[in-house]
Amino acid sequence: MIYEDKFIRVEREENELPWIKIFTVKPFRELSDCDEKSRAILFEAMLVAEKAMLKFYKPTKINIASFGNYVPHVHIHVIARFSDDAFFPDSVWASPKRKSELALPKFDEFAKFLEEQLRLKKIKTTCVFFLIIT
């Protein structure tokens, strides 16, 4: 577990690529089932994760996906992609095109960085929300 609050939880997908999944805490089946607050926080976390991956790993591209066919619980995949990864430019769910020998910073360091970014964003969001309602 990388991060959790009352709306979302962020987990690592075990892979050589930097890959996370962001779940809603409440087990919504579809995005349209989410309440507005959960959906807004889910998408904000997705953007924070994308920016964190871009800054930390400097990938060729970020892939974002939401399926839920095997796990019918709303979640979003955020994956850093590199031109020399095993699948690029195809999907990470495709057959590999080549042997990958990526030399990336340790994921644990990224996880700490991402957690900090998510906590900072939560503080900012809470402060803005407080100012609006008072």
C-alpha atoms as a PDB file:
ATOM      1  CA  MET A   1       0.000   0.000   0.000  1.00  0.00           C
ATOM      2  CA  ILE A   2       1.414   3.362  -1.033  1.00  0.00           C
ATOM      3  CA  TYR A   3      -1.366   5.656   0.178  1.00  0.00           C
ATOM      4  CA  GLU A   4      -4.853   5.452   1.619  1.00  0.00           C
ATOM      5  CA  ASP A   5      -7.471   7.886   2.833  1.00  0.00           C
ATOM      6  CA  LYS A   6     -11.241   7.578   3.248  1.00  0.00           C
ATOM      7  CA  PHE A   7     -11.838   7.886  -0.531  1.00  0.00           C
ATOM      8  CA  ILE A   8      -8.957   6.125  -2.332  1.00  0.00           C
ATOM      9  CA  ARG A   9      -6.109   3.673  -1.911  1.00  0.00           C
ATOM     10  CA  VAL A  10      -3.012   3.449  -4.083  1.00  0.00           C
ATOM     11  CA  GLU A  11      -1.213   0.149  -4.651  1.00  0.00           C
ATOM     12  CA  ARG A  12       1.733  -1.027  -6.702  1.00  0.00           C
ATOM     13  CA  GLU A  13       1.202  -3.415  -9.595  1.00  0.00           C
ATOM     14  CA  GLU A  14       4.175  -5.789  -9.483  1.00  0.00           C
ATOM     15  CA  ASN A  15       5.980  -5.192 -12.768  1.00  0.00           C
ATOM     16  CA  GLU A  16       9.352  -3.930 -13.971  1.00  0.00           C
ATOM     17  CA  LEU A  17       7.571  -0.776 -15.129  1.00  0.00           C
ATOM     18  CA  PRO A  18       6.516   1.892 -12.652  1.00  0.00           C
ATOM     19  CA  TRP A  19       2.836   0.942 -12.405  1.00  0.00           C
ATOM     20  CA  ILE A  20       0.243   1.823  -9.812  1.00  0.00           C
ATOM     21  CA  LYS A  21      -3.470   1.231  -9.370  1.00  0.00           C
ATOM     22  CA  ILE A  22      -5.734   3.752  -7.669  1.00  0.00           C
ATOM     23  CA  PHE A  23      -8.897   2.238  -6.184  1.00  0.00           C
ATOM     24  CA  THR A  24     -11.945   3.876  -4.685  1.00  0.00           C
ATOM     25  CA  VAL A  25     -12.269   2.720  -1.069  1.00  0.00           C
ATOM     26  CA  LYS A  26     -15.986   2.171  -1.507  1.00  0.00           C
ATOM     27  CA  PRO A  27     -16.369  -0.703  -4.000  1.00  0.00           C
ATOM     28  CA  PHE A  28     -18.134   1.101  -6.845  1.00  0.00           C
ATOM     29  CA  ARG A  29     -18.625  -1.093  -9.911  1.00  0.00           C
ATOM     30  CA  GLU A  30     -18.569   1.699 -12.509  1.00  0.00           C
ATOM     31  CA  LEU A  31     -17.240   5.261 -12.591  1.00  0.00           C
ATOM     32  CA  SER A  32     -20.801   6.495 -13.043  1.00  0.00           C
ATOM     33  CA  ASP A  33     -21.696   4.817  -9.718  1.00  0.00           C
ATOM     34  CA  CYS A  34     -19.158   6.945  -7.799  1.00  0.00           C
ATOM     35  CA  ASP A  35     -20.317   9.861  -5.726  1.00  0.00           C
ATOM     36  CA  GLU A  36     -18.924  13.215  -6.914  1.00  0.00           C
ATOM     37  CA  LYS A  37     -16.356  13.553  -4.110  1.00  0.00           C
ATOM     38  CA  SER A  38     -14.915  10.047  -4.636  1.00  0.00           C
ATOM     39  CA  ARG A  39     -14.752  10.537  -8.403  1.00  0.00           C
ATOM     40  CA  ALA A  40     -13.083  13.956  -8.062  1.00  0.00           C
ATOM     41  CA  ILE A  41     -10.481  12.620  -5.623  1.00  0.00           C
ATOM     42  CA  LEU A  42      -9.859   9.557  -7.825  1.00  0.00           C
ATOM     43  CA  PHE A  43      -9.168  11.729 -10.870  1.00  0.00           C
ATOM     44  CA  GLU A  44      -7.077  14.207  -8.883  1.00  0.00           C
ATOM     45  CA  ALA A  45      -4.960  11.329  -7.546  1.00  0.00           C
ATOM     46  CA  MET A  46      -4.547  10.055 -11.109  1.00  0.00           C
ATOM     47  CA  LEU A  47      -3.209  13.454 -12.206  1.00  0.00           C
ATOM     48  CA  VAL A  48      -0.896  13.678  -9.183  1.00  0.00           C
ATOM     49  CA  ALA A  49       0.434  10.192  -9.976  1.00  0.00           C
ATOM     50  CA  GLU A  50       0.971  11.075 -13.636  1.00  0.00           C
ATOM     51  CA  LYS A  51       2.896  14.236 -12.750  1.00  0.00           C
ATOM     52  CA  ALA A  52       4.937  12.377 -10.114  1.00  0.00           C
ATOM     53  CA  MET A  53       5.913   9.671 -12.629  1.00  0.00           C
ATOM     54  CA  LEU A  54       6.840  12.268 -15.240  1.00  0.00           C
ATOM     55  CA  LYS A  55       9.046  14.125 -12.767  1.00  0.00           C
ATOM     56  CA  PHE A  56      10.605  11.074 -11.098  1.00  0.00           C
ATOM     57  CA  TYR A  57      11.143   8.717 -14.050  1.00  0.00           C
ATOM     58  CA  LYS A  58      11.053  11.011 -17.114  1.00  0.00           C
ATOM     59  CA  PRO A  59       9.289   8.345 -19.192  1.00  0.00           C
ATOM     60  CA  THR A  60       8.559   8.430 -22.908  1.00  0.00           C
ATOM     61  CA  LYS A  61       4.813   8.316 -22.166  1.00  0.00           C
ATOM     62  CA  ILE A  62       2.310   7.732 -19.371  1.00  0.00           C
ATOM     63  CA  ASN A  63      -0.464   5.196 -19.964  1.00  0.00           C
ATOM     64  CA  ILE A  64      -3.735   5.479 -18.061  1.00  0.00           C
ATOM     65  CA  ALA A  65      -6.379   2.755 -18.161  1.00  0.00           C
ATOM     66  CA  SER A  66      -9.541   1.660 -16.409  1.00  0.00           C
ATOM     67  CA  PHE A  67     -10.993  -1.769 -17.083  1.00  0.00           C
ATOM     68  CA  GLY A  68     -12.350  -3.687 -14.122  1.00  0.00           C
ATOM     69  CA  ASN A  69     -13.178  -6.814 -16.089  1.00  0.00           C
ATOM     70  CA  TYR A  70     -11.357  -9.134 -13.680  1.00  0.00           C
ATOM     71  CA  VAL A  71     -11.714  -6.868 -10.650  1.00  0.00           C
ATOM     72  CA  PRO A  72     -15.174  -5.227 -10.889  1.00  0.00           C
ATOM     73  CA  HIS A  73     -14.169  -2.421  -8.521  1.00  0.00           C
ATOM     74  CA  VAL A  74     -13.432   1.045  -9.889  1.00  0.00           C
ATOM     75  CA  HIS A  75      -9.687   1.521 -10.260  1.00  0.00           C
ATOM     76  CA  ILE A  76      -7.295   3.333 -12.559  1.00  0.00           C
ATOM     77  CA  HIS A  77      -3.931   2.069 -13.784  1.00  0.00           C
ATOM     78  CA  VAL A  78      -1.159   4.648 -14.177  1.00  0.00           C
ATOM     79  CA  ILE A  79       1.911   3.266 -15.948  1.00  0.00           C
ATOM     80  CA  ALA A  80       5.202   4.928 -16.920  1.00  0.00           C
ATOM     81  CA  ARG A  81       6.271   3.736 -20.367  1.00  0.00           C
ATOM     82  CA  PHE A  82       9.677   3.838 -22.016  1.00  0.00           C
ATOM     83  CA  SER A  83      10.618   3.453 -25.671  1.00  0.00           C
ATOM     84  CA  ASP A  84      12.884   0.525 -24.734  1.00  0.00           C
ATOM     85  CA  ASP A  85      10.460  -1.309 -22.425  1.00  0.00           C
ATOM     86  CA  ALA A  86       9.470  -4.839 -23.464  1.00  0.00           C
ATOM     87  CA  PHE A  87       6.084  -3.839 -24.917  1.00  0.00           C
ATOM     88  CA  PHE A  88       6.498  -0.294 -26.269  1.00  0.00           C
ATOM     89  CA  PRO A  89       4.699   1.061 -28.218  1.00  0.00           C
ATOM     90  CA  ASP A  90       2.031  -1.609 -27.638  1.00  0.00           C
ATOM     91  CA  SER A  91      -0.081  -2.068 -24.534  1.00  0.00           C
ATOM     92  CA  VAL A  92       1.499  -3.635 -21.459  1.00  0.00           C
ATOM     93  CA  TRP A  93      -1.112  -6.380 -21.829  1.00  0.00           C
ATOM     94  CA  ALA A  94       0.207  -7.319 -25.306  1.00  0.00           C
ATOM     95  CA  SER A  95       2.953  -9.823 -26.051  1.00  0.00           C
ATOM     96  CA  PRO A  96       6.468  -8.478 -25.421  1.00  0.00           C
ATOM     97  CA  LYS A  97       8.334  -7.194 -28.481  1.00  0.00           C
ATOM     98  CA  ARG A  98      11.822  -7.436 -27.011  1.00  0.00           C
ATOM     99  CA  LYS A  99      13.786  -8.214 -23.874  1.00  0.00           C
ATOM    100  CA  SER A 100      13.763  -5.216 -21.605  1.00  0.00           C
ATOM    101  CA  GLU A 101      16.763  -4.088 -19.603  1.00  0.00           C
ATOM    102  CA  LEU A 102      15.419  -0.953 -17.994  1.00  0.00           C
ATOM    103  CA  ALA A 103      17.651   0.668 -15.382  1.00  0.00           C
ATOM    104  CA  LEU A 104      15.167   2.678 -13.316  1.00  0.00           C
ATOM    105  CA  PRO A 105      15.321   4.226  -9.852  1.00  0.00           C
ATOM    106  CA  LYS A 106      13.947   1.946  -7.138  1.00  0.00           C
ATOM    107  CA  PHE A 107      10.171   1.859  -6.960  1.00  0.00           C
ATOM    108  CA  ASP A 108      10.242   2.272  -3.151  1.00  0.00           C
ATOM    109  CA  GLU A 109      11.813   5.715  -3.623  1.00  0.00           C
ATOM    110  CA  PHE A 110       9.092   6.623  -6.099  1.00  0.00           C
ATOM    111  CA  ALA A 111       6.398   5.306  -3.718  1.00  0.00           C
ATOM    112  CA  LYS A 112       7.647   7.668  -0.981  1.00  0.00           C
ATOM    113  CA  PHE A 113       7.728  10.562  -3.453  1.00  0.00           C
ATOM    114  CA  LEU A 114       4.203   9.793  -4.664  1.00  0.00           C
ATOM    115  CA  GLU A 115       2.854   9.477  -1.133  1.00  0.00           C
ATOM    116  CA  GLU A 116       4.304  12.915  -0.289  1.00  0.00           C
ATOM    117  CA  GLN A 117       2.731  14.415  -3.406  1.00  0.00           C
ATOM    118  CA  LEU A 118      -0.673  12.893  -2.610  1.00  0.00           C
ATOM    119  CA  ARG A 119      -0.538  14.112   1.001  1.00  0.00           C
ATOM    120  CA  LEU A 120       0.432  17.630  -0.130  1.00  0.00           C
ATOM    121  CA  LYS A 121      -2.434  17.668  -2.624  1.00  0.00           C
ATOM    122  CA  LYS A 122      -4.870  16.499   0.056  1.00  0.00           C
ATOM    123  CA  ILE A 123      -3.797  19.316   2.373  1.00  0.00           C
ATOM    124  CA  LYS A 124      -4.226  21.886  -0.410  1.00  0.00           C
ATOM    125  CA  THR A 125      -7.623  20.465  -1.399  1.00  0.00           C
ATOM    126  CA  THR A 126      -8.802  20.444   2.222  1.00  0.00           C
ATOM    127  CA  CYS A 127      -7.689  24.064   2.726  1.00  0.00           C
ATOM    128  CA  VAL A 128      -9.453  25.235  -0.448  1.00  0.00           C
ATOM    129  CA  PHE A 129     -12.616  23.318   0.483  1.00  0.00           C
ATOM    130  CA  PHE A 130     -12.537  24.852   3.978  1.00  0.00           C
ATOM    131  CA  LEU A 131     -12.178  28.368   2.567  1.00  0.00           C
ATOM    132  CA  ILE A 132     -15.074  27.872   0.177  1.00  0.00           C
ATOM    133  CA  ILE A 133     -17.540  26.648   2.810  1.00  0.00           C
ATOM    134  CA  THR A 134     -16.707  29.170   5.521  1.00  0.00           C
END
